[in-house]
Amino acid sequence: MTKPLPPAASRKAASKRHATRKKVRPICDFVPDAKPIVKWVGGKSNLVPMLVTLLPDLGKVHAYHEPFAGGLALYLAIHKTLREQSIRSHVWDVNARLLDVYRLIREDHLVVLKGVEALQDRSYADLVGIVNKNSGEMAVDYRVAAFLLVNRRCFNGVWRENKLGLFNVPKGTSADRSVELDELETFANAMRGVVIGKYGDRDAFDASTGDLASRSGEFHYFDPPYDGTFSSYGADGFDRIQHLRLATFAREIHRAGGL
């Protein structure tokens, strides 16, 4: 038996409440300064309008740290403000290939573009083979260009590496996308002056950030892989022990006056 419709007045009130709720949204008109040049699992591009509402007062910040770089959605969205405020920016990631991409684009985006143009008609298997070559076996501009092309052609943009550090995601079904000059140029400009490092086995969470006494006024944005979910961004992954170390590190920063 169908339920009778509520009275017209009730329907009108419910519709009004729904319309009011739809208007309550985070800064939806926020326009990021720049956007990621790679697609990365767990990327926060869609959440940037909300994330910017949670930032500390950047007028009181003198350094920005992002140790889980990934696509760099938040940094890229606010990089002009960071530069205007003379805030030093430091980024790291467990994936050395990704950081090589960022470094070379910043240093010479035209060389990267030439590499893309030389490789864009190669098969997906050939591109993966180039990505997986050791640094001594292939010029860095070709490896960076192949990385960008593979990232745009692999299944769902997923970057996954096995225990040997080899990329192993199959080709996706979407149309092949190349890399455009304006994308590279915008990204290169956004990365000017940024310290790009890689934390390693020595100490995952205090590489290049100085002693704790210097961390007052430094803002740290942590976006690690979720515990128990996909974390194969690099050969070493990111396990529960590393999550616990990160939590300890975050508490130490807070006690030292960091943000």
Protein backbone atom coordinates (compact mmCIF):
# COMPACT_ATOMS: atom_id res chain seq x y z
CA MET A 1 0.00 0.00 0.00
CA THR A 2 1.38 3.43 -0.98
CA LYS A 3 1.84 5.97 1.79
CA PRO A 4 -0.21 9.14 1.35
CA LEU A 5 1.74 12.26 0.48
CA PRO A 6 2.32 14.70 3.36
CA PRO A 7 0.27 17.91 3.30
CA ALA A 8 1.40 20.56 0.82
CA ALA A 9 2.62 22.85 3.64
CA SER A 10 4.88 20.09 5.02
CA ARG A 11 6.28 19.35 1.56
CA LYS A 12 7.01 23.04 1.05
CA ALA A 13 8.79 23.30 4.43
CA ALA A 14 10.86 20.19 3.73
CA SER A 15 11.84 21.55 0.33
CA LYS A 16 12.90 24.86 1.93
CA ARG A 17 15.04 23.04 4.53
CA HIS A 18 16.71 21.02 1.76
CA ALA A 19 17.45 24.16 -0.27
CA THR A 20 18.98 25.81 2.82
CA ARG A 21 21.22 22.78 3.47
CA LYS A 22 22.47 22.80 -0.12
CA LYS A 23 23.75 26.36 0.32
CA VAL A 24 25.94 25.46 3.31
CA ARG A 25 29.21 24.52 1.61
CA PRO A 26 32.88 25.20 2.24
CA ILE A 27 34.53 28.00 0.23
CA CYS A 28 33.31 26.57 -3.07
CA ASP A 29 34.45 29.62 -5.02
CA PHE A 30 38.09 29.13 -3.95
CA VAL A 31 40.32 29.04 -7.03
CA PRO A 32 43.67 27.22 -6.54
CA ASP A 33 46.83 28.98 -7.69
CA ALA A 34 47.85 25.84 -9.63
CA LYS A 35 46.81 22.20 -9.94
CA PRO A 36 48.68 18.88 -9.70
CA ILE A 37 50.53 17.71 -12.79
CA VAL A 38 50.10 14.05 -11.80
CA LYS A 39 47.13 12.02 -10.65
CA TRP A 40 47.89 10.36 -7.31
CA VAL A 41 45.90 7.93 -5.19
CA GLY A 42 44.56 9.82 -2.18
CA GLY A 43 45.05 13.21 -3.87
CA LYS A 44 43.17 16.07 -2.22
CA SER A 45 42.34 18.33 -5.17
CA ASN A 46 38.60 18.02 -4.52
CA LEU A 47 39.06 18.83 -0.82
CA VAL A 48 41.27 21.90 -1.26
CA PRO A 49 38.38 24.38 -0.78
CA MET A 50 37.75 22.82 2.64
CA LEU A 51 41.43 22.39 3.56
CA VAL A 52 42.20 26.08 3.07
CA THR A 53 39.60 26.92 5.73
CA LEU A 54 41.58 24.81 8.23
CA LEU A 55 44.97 26.43 7.64
CA PRO A 56 46.61 28.35 10.48
CA ASP A 57 47.18 32.10 10.20
CA LEU A 58 49.91 32.09 7.55
CA GLY A 59 51.04 35.49 8.76
CA LYS A 60 52.50 33.68 11.79
CA VAL A 61 54.15 30.91 9.75
CA HIS A 62 57.72 31.03 8.45
CA ALA A 63 58.04 27.49 6.99
CA TYR A 64 55.71 25.02 5.25
CA HIS A 65 56.49 21.28 5.34
CA GLU A 66 54.72 18.59 3.33
CA PRO A 67 56.42 15.19 3.80
CA PHE A 68 53.76 13.23 1.85
CA ALA A 69 53.93 15.22 -1.38
CA GLY A 70 51.89 13.04 -3.74
CA GLY A 71 50.19 15.40 -6.20
CA LEU A 72 50.92 18.46 -3.98
CA ALA A 73 47.31 19.67 -4.27
CA LEU A 74 47.38 21.85 -1.14
CA TYR A 75 50.82 23.37 -1.73
CA LEU A 76 50.00 24.20 -5.36
CA ALA A 77 46.68 25.73 -4.34
CA ILE A 78 48.33 28.23 -1.96
CA HIS A 79 51.86 28.59 -3.35
CA LYS A 80 51.43 32.25 -4.29
CA THR A 81 50.38 33.14 -0.76
CA LEU A 82 53.33 31.19 0.67
CA ARG A 83 55.69 33.08 -1.62
CA GLU A 84 54.13 36.48 -0.89
CA GLN A 85 54.52 35.82 2.84
CA SER A 86 58.17 34.71 2.32
CA ILE A 87 57.34 31.29 3.78
CA ARG A 88 59.99 28.64 3.00
CA SER A 89 58.47 25.50 1.51
CA HIS A 90 59.84 21.95 1.88
CA VAL A 91 58.32 18.83 0.28
CA TRP A 92 59.28 15.16 0.43
CA ASP A 93 57.85 11.81 -0.61
CA VAL A 94 58.69 8.11 -0.33
CA ASN A 95 58.62 7.85 -4.12
CA ALA A 96 62.00 8.99 -5.48
CA ARG A 97 60.77 8.87 -9.10
CA LEU A 98 58.00 11.33 -8.32
CA LEU A 99 60.47 13.78 -6.79
CA ASP A 100 62.78 13.40 -9.80
CA VAL A 101 59.82 14.45 -11.95
CA TYR A 102 59.21 17.53 -9.82
CA ARG A 103 62.88 18.51 -9.79
CA LEU A 104 63.41 18.24 -13.53
CA ILE A 105 60.22 20.08 -14.44
CA ARG A 106 61.31 22.91 -12.16
CA GLU A 107 64.86 22.96 -13.54
CA ASP A 108 64.01 22.68 -17.25
CA HIS A 109 60.41 22.07 -18.24
CA LEU A 110 61.27 22.45 -21.94
CA VAL A 111 63.60 19.44 -21.74
CA VAL A 112 60.73 17.46 -20.23
CA LEU A 113 58.42 18.60 -23.03
CA LYS A 114 60.94 17.41 -25.65
CA GLY A 115 61.08 14.04 -23.92
CA VAL A 116 57.28 13.81 -23.96
CA GLU A 117 57.17 14.66 -27.67
CA ALA A 118 59.79 11.99 -28.41
CA LEU A 119 57.94 9.28 -26.45
CA GLN A 120 54.24 10.05 -26.80
CA ASP A 121 53.72 7.59 -29.67
CA ARG A 122 55.49 4.72 -27.89
CA SER A 123 53.44 1.81 -26.59
CA TYR A 124 52.39 1.64 -22.96
CA ALA A 125 54.67 -1.36 -22.39
CA ASP A 126 57.65 0.58 -23.78
CA LEU A 127 56.90 3.54 -21.51
CA VAL A 128 56.67 1.31 -18.43
CA GLY A 129 59.97 -0.28 -19.42
CA ILE A 130 61.61 3.16 -19.52
CA VAL A 131 60.12 4.11 -16.14
CA ASN A 132 61.51 0.94 -14.59
CA LYS A 133 65.05 1.38 -15.88
CA ASN A 134 67.78 2.30 -13.40
CA SER A 135 69.05 5.87 -13.42
CA GLY A 136 72.27 4.79 -15.17
CA GLU A 137 70.41 3.02 -17.97
CA MET A 138 68.27 5.89 -19.29
CA ALA A 139 68.58 9.67 -19.44
CA VAL A 140 66.59 11.39 -16.69
CA ASP A 141 64.54 13.51 -19.14
CA TYR A 142 63.25 10.35 -20.84
CA ARG A 143 62.45 8.69 -17.52
CA VAL A 144 60.56 11.79 -16.33
CA ALA A 145 58.66 12.09 -19.62
CA ALA A 146 57.76 8.38 -19.51
CA PHE A 147 56.58 8.76 -15.89
CA LEU A 148 54.18 11.56 -16.85
CA LEU A 149 52.81 9.66 -19.85
CA VAL A 150 52.38 6.42 -17.88
CA ASN A 151 50.65 8.30 -15.06
CA ARG A 152 48.08 9.59 -17.55
CA ARG A 153 47.54 6.26 -19.28
CA CYS A 154 47.63 3.70 -16.48
CA PHE A 155 44.50 2.31 -14.82
CA ASN A 156 42.78 5.10 -12.84
CA GLY A 157 46.08 6.99 -12.56
CA VAL A 158 47.22 4.54 -9.87
CA TRP A 159 50.94 4.55 -9.16
CA ARG A 160 51.93 1.25 -7.53
CA GLU A 161 55.33 -0.34 -7.09
CA ASN A 162 56.24 -3.88 -6.06
CA LYS A 163 58.88 -4.83 -3.48
CA LEU A 164 61.59 -4.44 -6.11
CA GLY A 165 60.52 -0.86 -6.77
CA LEU A 166 59.08 -1.68 -10.21
CA PHE A 167 55.90 0.00 -11.45
CA ASN A 168 53.27 -2.65 -12.19
CA VAL A 169 49.88 -1.11 -13.01
CA PRO A 170 48.18 -2.13 -16.28
CA LYS A 171 47.03 0.31 -18.94
CA GLY A 172 43.70 2.02 -18.38
CA THR A 173 40.80 2.23 -20.81
CA SER A 174 40.59 6.02 -21.18
CA ALA A 175 42.03 7.84 -24.19
CA ASP A 176 45.77 8.51 -24.07
CA ARG A 177 46.56 12.00 -22.80
CA SER A 178 49.77 13.86 -23.48
CA VAL A 179 51.40 16.64 -21.46
CA GLU A 180 51.02 20.25 -22.54
CA LEU A 181 53.53 23.10 -22.38
CA ASP A 182 51.31 25.35 -20.25
CA GLU A 183 50.91 22.60 -17.62
CA LEU A 184 54.66 22.16 -17.34
CA GLU A 185 55.32 25.89 -17.29
CA THR A 186 52.72 26.57 -14.58
CA PHE A 187 54.05 23.74 -12.42
CA ALA A 188 57.68 24.82 -12.90
CA ASN A 189 56.85 28.37 -11.78
CA ALA A 190 54.95 27.08 -8.76
CA MET A 191 57.95 25.03 -7.62
CA ARG A 192 60.53 27.83 -7.78
CA GLY A 193 62.44 28.03 -4.51
CA VAL A 194 60.89 24.89 -3.01
CA VAL A 195 63.24 22.52 -1.18
CA ILE A 196 62.57 19.05 -2.64
CA GLY A 197 63.96 16.18 -0.60
CA LYS A 198 63.28 12.52 0.09
CA TYR A 199 63.08 11.03 3.52
CA GLY A 200 64.61 7.58 3.69
CA ASP A 201 65.43 4.77 6.04
CA ARG A 202 67.62 6.93 8.29
CA ASP A 203 64.76 8.87 9.85
CA ALA A 204 61.49 9.27 8.06
CA PHE A 205 60.23 12.33 9.87
CA ASP A 206 63.02 14.69 10.76
CA ALA A 207 64.99 14.85 7.54
CA SER A 208 65.83 18.43 6.59
CA THR A 209 63.54 20.04 9.18
CA GLY A 210 66.19 20.97 11.75
CA ASP A 211 66.01 20.43 15.49
CA LEU A 212 62.75 20.72 17.39
CA ALA A 213 63.73 24.02 18.94
CA SER A 214 63.52 25.64 15.50
CA ARG A 215 60.01 24.42 14.73
CA SER A 216 58.03 27.17 16.40
CA GLY A 217 56.05 28.86 13.64
CA GLU A 218 56.58 26.02 11.16
CA PHE A 219 53.46 24.49 9.61
CA HIS A 220 53.44 20.77 8.82
CA TYR A 221 50.79 19.27 6.55
CA PHE A 222 50.65 15.50 6.99
CA ASP A 223 48.63 13.45 4.50
CA PRO A 224 49.90 9.87 4.93
CA PRO A 225 48.32 6.76 3.39
CA TYR A 226 45.40 5.50 5.45
CA ASP A 227 46.39 2.73 7.84
CA GLY A 228 45.48 -0.68 6.40
CA THR A 229 44.70 0.60 2.90
CA PHE A 230 46.71 1.16 -0.27
CA SER A 231 50.26 2.30 0.53
CA SER A 232 52.39 0.89 -2.32
CA TYR A 233 53.43 4.30 -3.62
CA GLY A 234 57.03 3.13 -3.30
CA ALA A 235 58.81 -0.18 -2.76
CA ASP A 236 58.85 0.29 1.05
CA GLY A 237 55.18 1.18 1.46
CA PHE A 238 54.01 2.83 4.70
CA ASP A 239 53.17 0.45 7.54
CA ARG A 240 51.68 0.79 11.02
CA ILE A 241 55.07 1.31 12.67
CA GLN A 242 55.65 4.32 10.44
CA HIS A 243 52.18 5.63 11.32
CA LEU A 244 53.09 5.41 15.02
CA ARG A 245 56.38 7.22 14.39
CA LEU A 246 54.50 9.93 12.53
CA ALA A 247 52.07 10.36 15.45
CA THR A 248 55.00 10.71 17.87
CA PHE A 249 56.69 13.20 15.57
CA ALA A 250 53.49 15.28 15.29
CA ARG A 251 53.18 15.45 19.09
CA GLU A 252 56.82 16.55 19.40
CA ILE A 253 56.28 19.30 16.84
CA HIS A 254 53.20 20.52 18.69
CA ARG A 255 55.07 20.64 22.02
CA ALA A 256 57.86 22.59 20.33
CA GLY A 257 55.44 25.25 19.07
CA GLY A 258 55.04 23.93 15.53
CA LEU A 259 51.72 23.89 13.70
